[in-house]
Amino acid sequence: MDQEDDVLDTIYEQIKSDVEKFATGKIEVIAEKTNERVRIYKGNYGSKKFKLILVINGLEDTHTDKHSIEDHLLKAAEKVSIQVGDFKNSKEAWWSINNKQQQEIFRKLKEHRKLVESVFPQQVLGCQYLEGNIEDS
């Protein structure tokens, strides 16, 4: 999810509160040690166990008024030498890039796993949890 205006702790508490409304029993929250934008919520719904892997979009080194997935796309643009210029809103900045350049960025991301890993660190980490490549307990 995009961070938008909220601070991370507010998002995490709201998600926990929302999850507690439908969970039966206590919710366990696991804070990812290597990335503050990833949290795992574990609990039960009836007799079934569930795990919610929450990934918050945004990059701290992207100084915008709202953090979003576009932070990552702009970082990718920078890494493939597409200039965007100064901006306060990463969504607006992303949409200021012409379609041909956006497609070039997507093509480079598709071709280069290391590029994806460098600009989407928390999303990659979330996928590793989904795949079971990381233990969360």
N, C-alpha and C. Protein backbone atom coordinates (compact mmCIF):
# COMPACT_ATOMS: atom_id res chain seq x y z
N MET A 1 0.83 -1.17 0.00
CA MET A 1 0.00 0.00 0.00
C MET A 1 0.88 1.23 0.00
N ASP A 2 0.35 2.34 -0.50
CA ASP A 2 1.08 3.60 -0.48
C ASP A 2 1.05 4.20 0.92
N GLN A 3 2.11 4.90 1.27
CA GLN A 3 2.16 5.54 2.58
C GLN A 3 1.30 6.80 2.61
N GLU A 4 1.30 7.54 1.52
CA GLU A 4 0.54 8.80 1.43
C GLU A 4 0.93 9.74 2.57
N ASP A 5 -0.04 10.22 3.35
CA ASP A 5 0.19 11.24 4.38
C ASP A 5 0.56 10.70 5.75
N ASP A 6 0.22 9.45 6.02
CA ASP A 6 0.38 8.91 7.37
C ASP A 6 1.82 8.51 7.67
N VAL A 7 2.17 8.60 8.97
CA VAL A 7 3.47 8.07 9.39
C VAL A 7 3.33 6.55 9.49
N LEU A 8 4.41 5.85 9.37
CA LEU A 8 4.38 4.39 9.36
C LEU A 8 3.72 3.80 10.60
N ASP A 9 4.07 4.30 11.78
CA ASP A 9 3.49 3.74 13.01
C ASP A 9 1.97 3.85 13.02
N THR A 10 1.43 4.93 12.48
CA THR A 10 -0.03 5.10 12.41
C THR A 10 -0.64 4.05 11.49
N ILE A 11 -0.01 3.81 10.37
CA ILE A 11 -0.50 2.79 9.44
C ILE A 11 -0.49 1.42 10.10
N TYR A 12 0.62 1.08 10.75
CA TYR A 12 0.74 -0.24 11.37
C TYR A 12 -0.31 -0.44 12.47
N GLU A 13 -0.55 0.58 13.27
CA GLU A 13 -1.55 0.46 14.33
C GLU A 13 -2.96 0.35 13.75
N GLN A 14 -3.25 1.09 12.67
CA GLN A 14 -4.57 1.02 12.05
C GLN A 14 -4.80 -0.36 11.44
N ILE A 15 -3.79 -0.89 10.77
CA ILE A 15 -3.91 -2.23 10.18
C ILE A 15 -4.13 -3.26 11.29
N LYS A 16 -3.36 -3.16 12.36
CA LYS A 16 -3.51 -4.11 13.47
C LYS A 16 -4.92 -4.03 14.04
N SER A 17 -5.41 -2.83 14.24
CA SER A 17 -6.76 -2.64 14.76
C SER A 17 -7.81 -3.24 13.82
N ASP A 18 -7.64 -3.02 12.53
CA ASP A 18 -8.58 -3.57 11.54
C ASP A 18 -8.54 -5.10 11.52
N VAL A 19 -7.34 -5.66 11.59
CA VAL A 19 -7.19 -7.11 11.57
C VAL A 19 -7.80 -7.73 12.84
N GLU A 20 -7.62 -7.06 13.97
CA GLU A 20 -8.17 -7.56 15.23
C GLU A 20 -9.70 -7.65 15.21
N LYS A 21 -10.34 -6.86 14.36
CA LYS A 21 -11.80 -6.86 14.28
C LYS A 21 -12.35 -8.18 13.73
N PHE A 22 -11.60 -8.83 12.85
CA PHE A 22 -12.10 -10.08 12.28
C PHE A 22 -11.37 -11.32 12.78
N ALA A 23 -10.25 -11.11 13.44
CA ALA A 23 -9.48 -12.26 13.93
C ALA A 23 -10.12 -12.83 15.19
N THR A 24 -9.94 -14.11 15.34
CA THR A 24 -10.36 -14.75 16.58
C THR A 24 -9.10 -15.05 17.37
N GLY A 25 -8.94 -14.37 18.47
CA GLY A 25 -7.73 -14.53 19.27
C GLY A 25 -6.77 -13.38 19.06
N LYS A 26 -5.61 -13.54 19.65
CA LYS A 26 -4.57 -12.51 19.63
C LYS A 26 -3.88 -12.43 18.27
N ILE A 27 -3.50 -11.22 17.87
CA ILE A 27 -2.74 -11.00 16.65
C ILE A 27 -1.26 -10.87 17.03
N GLU A 28 -0.42 -11.60 16.34
CA GLU A 28 1.03 -11.47 16.53
C GLU A 28 1.56 -10.58 15.42
N VAL A 29 2.34 -9.58 15.80
CA VAL A 29 2.92 -8.66 14.83
C VAL A 29 4.42 -8.87 14.81
N ILE A 30 4.94 -9.12 13.62
CA ILE A 30 6.37 -9.34 13.45
C ILE A 30 6.92 -8.18 12.63
N ALA A 31 7.83 -7.44 13.24
CA ALA A 31 8.47 -6.32 12.55
C ALA A 31 9.70 -6.85 11.82
N GLU A 32 9.77 -6.58 10.54
CA GLU A 32 10.92 -7.02 9.75
C GLU A 32 12.16 -6.28 10.25
N LYS A 33 13.20 -7.02 10.50
CA LYS A 33 14.42 -6.45 11.07
C LYS A 33 15.21 -5.60 10.08
N THR A 34 15.13 -5.92 8.80
CA THR A 34 15.96 -5.23 7.81
C THR A 34 15.23 -4.15 7.03
N ASN A 35 13.91 -4.04 7.19
CA ASN A 35 13.17 -3.03 6.42
C ASN A 35 11.95 -2.60 7.23
N GLU A 36 11.93 -1.33 7.62
CA GLU A 36 10.84 -0.85 8.47
C GLU A 36 9.51 -0.73 7.73
N ARG A 37 9.49 -0.95 6.44
CA ARG A 37 8.27 -0.84 5.66
C ARG A 37 7.59 -2.19 5.42
N VAL A 38 8.01 -3.19 6.18
CA VAL A 38 7.41 -4.53 6.07
C VAL A 38 6.99 -5.00 7.47
N ARG A 39 5.74 -5.47 7.58
CA ARG A 39 5.23 -6.05 8.82
C ARG A 39 4.45 -7.31 8.46
N ILE A 40 4.50 -8.28 9.36
CA ILE A 40 3.72 -9.51 9.19
C ILE A 40 2.75 -9.59 10.37
N TYR A 41 1.50 -9.80 10.06
CA TYR A 41 0.45 -9.96 11.07
C TYR A 41 -0.02 -11.41 10.98
N LYS A 42 0.05 -12.13 12.11
CA LYS A 42 -0.36 -13.53 12.14
C LYS A 42 -1.49 -13.69 13.14
N GLY A 43 -2.44 -14.54 12.79
CA GLY A 43 -3.55 -14.78 13.69
C GLY A 43 -4.42 -15.91 13.20
N ASN A 44 -5.62 -15.98 13.76
CA ASN A 44 -6.59 -17.00 13.38
C ASN A 44 -7.89 -16.33 12.98
N TYR A 45 -8.56 -16.97 12.04
CA TYR A 45 -9.91 -16.60 11.66
C TYR A 45 -10.72 -17.88 11.77
N GLY A 46 -11.47 -17.99 12.84
CA GLY A 46 -12.12 -19.27 13.12
C GLY A 46 -11.06 -20.31 13.41
N SER A 47 -11.15 -21.43 12.72
CA SER A 47 -10.17 -22.50 12.92
C SER A 47 -8.99 -22.40 11.96
N LYS A 48 -8.99 -21.39 11.10
CA LYS A 48 -7.92 -21.23 10.10
C LYS A 48 -6.90 -20.20 10.55
N LYS A 49 -5.63 -20.52 10.32
CA LYS A 49 -4.55 -19.57 10.57
C LYS A 49 -4.39 -18.69 9.35
N PHE A 50 -4.00 -17.44 9.58
CA PHE A 50 -3.71 -16.54 8.45
C PHE A 50 -2.45 -15.75 8.73
N LYS A 51 -1.89 -15.25 7.66
CA LYS A 51 -0.72 -14.39 7.72
C LYS A 51 -0.97 -13.24 6.74
N LEU A 52 -0.87 -12.03 7.22
CA LEU A 52 -0.98 -10.83 6.38
C LEU A 52 0.40 -10.21 6.27
N ILE A 53 0.90 -10.11 5.07
CA ILE A 53 2.20 -9.49 4.83
C ILE A 53 1.93 -8.10 4.29
N LEU A 54 2.28 -7.10 5.08
CA LEU A 54 2.03 -5.71 4.71
C LEU A 54 3.33 -5.07 4.24
N VAL A 55 3.28 -4.51 3.05
CA VAL A 55 4.41 -3.80 2.47
C VAL A 55 3.94 -2.37 2.18
N ILE A 56 4.66 -1.40 2.74
CA ILE A 56 4.33 0.01 2.54
C ILE A 56 5.26 0.58 1.48
N ASN A 57 4.69 1.11 0.41
CA ASN A 57 5.47 1.71 -0.67
C ASN A 57 6.09 3.02 -0.22
N GLY A 58 7.21 3.35 -0.83
CA GLY A 58 7.89 4.61 -0.57
C GLY A 58 9.35 4.38 -0.25
N LEU A 59 10.14 5.40 -0.54
CA LEU A 59 11.57 5.37 -0.26
C LEU A 59 11.92 6.61 0.55
N GLU A 60 12.64 6.41 1.63
CA GLU A 60 13.00 7.53 2.51
C GLU A 60 13.88 8.55 1.80
N ASP A 61 14.71 8.10 0.86
CA ASP A 61 15.60 9.05 0.18
C ASP A 61 14.91 9.78 -0.97
N THR A 62 13.62 9.51 -1.17
CA THR A 62 12.83 10.27 -2.13
C THR A 62 12.03 11.27 -1.32
N HIS A 63 12.36 12.54 -1.47
CA HIS A 63 11.75 13.58 -0.65
C HIS A 63 10.54 14.16 -1.36
N THR A 64 9.38 13.58 -1.04
CA THR A 64 8.13 14.01 -1.64
C THR A 64 7.11 14.28 -0.54
N ASP A 65 6.00 14.90 -0.92
CA ASP A 65 4.97 15.19 0.07
C ASP A 65 4.18 13.95 0.45
N LYS A 66 4.15 12.93 -0.42
CA LYS A 66 3.47 11.68 -0.14
C LYS A 66 4.30 10.54 -0.72
N HIS A 67 4.50 9.49 0.06
CA HIS A 67 5.24 8.34 -0.45
C HIS A 67 4.29 7.36 -1.12
N SER A 68 4.73 6.81 -2.26
CA SER A 68 3.89 5.91 -3.04
C SER A 68 4.77 5.01 -3.90
N ILE A 69 4.14 4.16 -4.66
CA ILE A 69 4.87 3.25 -5.56
C ILE A 69 5.68 4.04 -6.59
N GLU A 70 5.21 5.23 -6.90
CA GLU A 70 5.93 6.06 -7.88
C GLU A 70 7.31 6.47 -7.39
N ASP A 71 7.54 6.51 -6.06
CA ASP A 71 8.89 6.75 -5.53
C ASP A 71 9.86 5.74 -6.15
N HIS A 72 9.43 4.49 -6.19
CA HIS A 72 10.28 3.40 -6.70
C HIS A 72 10.49 3.52 -8.21
N LEU A 73 9.44 3.89 -8.91
CA LEU A 73 9.55 4.05 -10.36
C LEU A 73 10.48 5.20 -10.72
N LEU A 74 10.43 6.27 -9.94
CA LEU A 74 11.33 7.40 -10.19
C LEU A 74 12.78 7.03 -9.89
N LYS A 75 12.98 6.22 -8.87
CA LYS A 75 14.33 5.73 -8.57
C LYS A 75 14.84 4.87 -9.73
N ALA A 76 13.95 4.05 -10.30
CA ALA A 76 14.32 3.25 -11.46
C ALA A 76 14.67 4.15 -12.63
N ALA A 77 13.90 5.21 -12.83
CA ALA A 77 14.19 6.16 -13.91
C ALA A 77 15.59 6.74 -13.75
N GLU A 78 15.90 7.14 -12.53
CA GLU A 78 17.22 7.69 -12.24
C GLU A 78 18.32 6.68 -12.55
N LYS A 79 18.12 5.42 -12.17
CA LYS A 79 19.13 4.39 -12.38
C LYS A 79 19.33 4.02 -13.84
N VAL A 80 18.32 4.26 -14.68
CA VAL A 80 18.48 3.98 -16.12
C VAL A 80 18.71 5.27 -16.90
N SER A 81 19.11 6.34 -16.17
CA SER A 81 19.52 7.62 -16.75
C SER A 81 18.40 8.36 -17.47
N ILE A 82 17.20 8.28 -16.95
CA ILE A 82 16.10 9.10 -17.45
C ILE A 82 15.89 10.21 -16.42
N GLN A 83 16.08 11.44 -16.86
CA GLN A 83 15.99 12.59 -15.97
C GLN A 83 14.54 13.00 -15.75
N VAL A 84 14.21 13.26 -14.49
CA VAL A 84 12.85 13.68 -14.16
C VAL A 84 12.84 15.12 -13.67
N GLY A 85 13.90 15.56 -13.02
CA GLY A 85 13.95 16.91 -12.48
C GLY A 85 13.43 16.96 -11.06
N ASP A 86 13.31 18.18 -10.54
CA ASP A 86 12.83 18.37 -9.17
C ASP A 86 11.33 18.17 -9.12
N PHE A 87 10.87 17.61 -8.02
CA PHE A 87 9.44 17.39 -7.85
C PHE A 87 9.10 17.30 -6.37
N LYS A 88 7.85 17.61 -6.04
CA LYS A 88 7.36 17.47 -4.67
C LYS A 88 6.40 16.31 -4.54
N ASN A 89 5.85 15.87 -5.64
CA ASN A 89 4.87 14.80 -5.64
C ASN A 89 5.33 13.74 -6.63
N SER A 90 5.63 12.55 -6.13
CA SER A 90 6.18 11.52 -7.01
C SER A 90 5.17 11.01 -8.03
N LYS A 91 3.88 11.02 -7.70
CA LYS A 91 2.87 10.60 -8.68
C LYS A 91 2.87 11.56 -9.87
N GLU A 92 2.86 12.85 -9.59
CA GLU A 92 2.88 13.85 -10.66
C GLU A 92 4.17 13.76 -11.47
N ALA A 93 5.28 13.55 -10.77
CA ALA A 93 6.56 13.44 -11.46
C ALA A 93 6.57 12.24 -12.40
N TRP A 94 6.05 11.09 -11.93
CA TRP A 94 6.00 9.90 -12.77
C TRP A 94 5.17 10.15 -14.03
N TRP A 95 4.02 10.79 -13.86
CA TRP A 95 3.15 11.03 -15.01
C TRP A 95 3.65 12.15 -15.90
N SER A 96 4.70 12.87 -15.47
CA SER A 96 5.31 13.88 -16.35
C SER A 96 6.30 13.25 -17.33
N ILE A 97 6.68 12.01 -17.08
CA ILE A 97 7.57 11.28 -17.98
C ILE A 97 6.73 10.77 -19.14
N ASN A 98 7.25 10.93 -20.36
CA ASN A 98 6.45 10.49 -21.50
C ASN A 98 6.34 8.96 -21.53
N ASN A 99 5.32 8.49 -22.23
CA ASN A 99 5.00 7.07 -22.26
C ASN A 99 6.15 6.22 -22.77
N LYS A 100 6.87 6.71 -23.75
CA LYS A 100 8.01 5.95 -24.30
C LYS A 100 9.06 5.72 -23.22
N GLN A 101 9.34 6.73 -22.43
CA GLN A 101 10.32 6.59 -21.35
C GLN A 101 9.80 5.68 -20.25
N GLN A 102 8.52 5.78 -19.92
CA GLN A 102 7.95 4.87 -18.93
C GLN A 102 8.08 3.42 -19.39
N GLN A 103 7.79 3.17 -20.66
CA GLN A 103 7.91 1.82 -21.18
C GLN A 103 9.36 1.33 -21.13
N GLU A 104 10.30 2.22 -21.38
CA GLU A 104 11.73 1.87 -21.30
C GLU A 104 12.09 1.47 -19.86
N ILE A 105 11.58 2.20 -18.90
CA ILE A 105 11.83 1.88 -17.50
C ILE A 105 11.26 0.50 -17.16
N PHE A 106 10.03 0.24 -17.57
CA PHE A 106 9.41 -1.06 -17.31
C PHE A 106 10.19 -2.19 -17.99
N ARG A 107 10.67 -1.94 -19.21
CA ARG A 107 11.44 -2.95 -19.93
C ARG A 107 12.73 -3.27 -19.18
N LYS A 108 13.43 -2.23 -18.71
CA LYS A 108 14.68 -2.44 -17.96
C LYS A 108 14.40 -3.19 -16.65
N LEU A 109 13.31 -2.86 -15.98
CA LEU A 109 12.96 -3.57 -14.75
C LEU A 109 12.69 -5.04 -15.04
N LYS A 110 12.02 -5.31 -16.14
CA LYS A 110 11.71 -6.69 -16.51
C LYS A 110 12.98 -7.48 -16.83
N GLU A 111 13.95 -6.82 -17.42
CA GLU A 111 15.17 -7.50 -17.86
C GLU A 111 16.24 -7.64 -16.77
N HIS A 112 16.20 -6.80 -15.75
CA HIS A 112 17.30 -6.75 -14.79
C HIS A 112 16.79 -6.93 -13.35
N ARG A 113 16.93 -8.14 -12.87
CA ARG A 113 16.47 -8.46 -11.50
C ARG A 113 17.16 -7.59 -10.45
N LYS A 114 18.44 -7.34 -10.62
CA LYS A 114 19.19 -6.53 -9.65
C LYS A 114 18.62 -5.11 -9.58
N LEU A 115 18.16 -4.58 -10.70
CA LEU A 115 17.54 -3.26 -10.71
C LEU A 115 16.25 -3.30 -9.88
N VAL A 116 15.45 -4.33 -10.08
CA VAL A 116 14.21 -4.49 -9.31
C VAL A 116 14.55 -4.56 -7.82
N GLU A 117 15.51 -5.37 -7.47
CA GLU A 117 15.89 -5.54 -6.06
C GLU A 117 16.37 -4.23 -5.44
N SER A 118 17.04 -3.40 -6.24
CA SER A 118 17.58 -2.15 -5.70
C SER A 118 16.53 -1.05 -5.55
N VAL A 119 15.50 -1.05 -6.38
CA VAL A 119 14.51 0.02 -6.29
C VAL A 119 13.20 -0.39 -5.63
N PHE A 120 12.99 -1.70 -5.45
CA PHE A 120 11.79 -2.21 -4.78
C PHE A 120 12.18 -3.13 -3.62
N PRO A 121 13.00 -2.66 -2.68
CA PRO A 121 13.51 -3.57 -1.64
C PRO A 121 12.42 -4.19 -0.76
N GLN A 122 11.46 -3.40 -0.32
CA GLN A 122 10.44 -3.96 0.56
C GLN A 122 9.47 -4.85 -0.19
N GLN A 123 9.21 -4.56 -1.44
CA GLN A 123 8.32 -5.42 -2.23
C GLN A 123 8.97 -6.78 -2.48
N VAL A 124 10.26 -6.77 -2.76
CA VAL A 124 10.99 -8.03 -2.96
C VAL A 124 10.98 -8.83 -1.67
N LEU A 125 11.20 -8.16 -0.55
CA LEU A 125 11.19 -8.82 0.75
C LEU A 125 9.81 -9.43 1.03
N GLY A 126 8.75 -8.68 0.74
CA GLY A 126 7.40 -9.20 0.91
C GLY A 126 7.16 -10.45 0.08
N CYS A 127 7.66 -10.45 -1.15
CA CYS A 127 7.53 -11.63 -2.03
C CYS A 127 8.32 -12.81 -1.48
N GLN A 128 9.47 -12.54 -0.89
CA GLN A 128 10.25 -13.63 -0.30
C GLN A 128 9.49 -14.27 0.86
N TYR A 129 8.78 -13.46 1.65
CA TYR A 129 7.93 -14.02 2.71
C TYR A 129 6.83 -14.87 2.11
N LEU A 130 6.21 -14.39 1.04
CA LEU A 130 5.13 -15.14 0.39
C LEU A 130 5.63 -16.48 -0.12
N GLU A 131 6.83 -16.48 -0.68
CA GLU A 131 7.40 -17.71 -1.23
C GLU A 131 7.90 -18.66 -0.15
N GLY A 132 7.95 -18.18 1.09
CA GLY A 132 8.45 -19.02 2.18
C GLY A 132 9.96 -19.04 2.26
N ASN A 133 10.62 -18.09 1.58
CA ASN A 133 12.09 -18.05 1.60
C ASN A 133 12.64 -17.39 2.86
N ILE A 134 11.76 -16.77 3.66
CA ILE A 134 12.18 -16.12 4.90
C ILE A 134 11.26 -16.61 6.00
N GLU A 135 11.83 -16.99 7.11
CA GLU A 135 11.05 -17.40 8.28
C GLU A 135 10.60 -16.14 9.00
N ASP A 136 9.35 -16.09 9.41
CA ASP A 136 8.84 -14.88 10.06
C ASP A 136 8.61 -15.05 11.55
N SER A 137 9.10 -16.10 12.13
CA SER A 137 8.85 -16.26 13.57
C SER A 137 10.13 -16.33 14.36
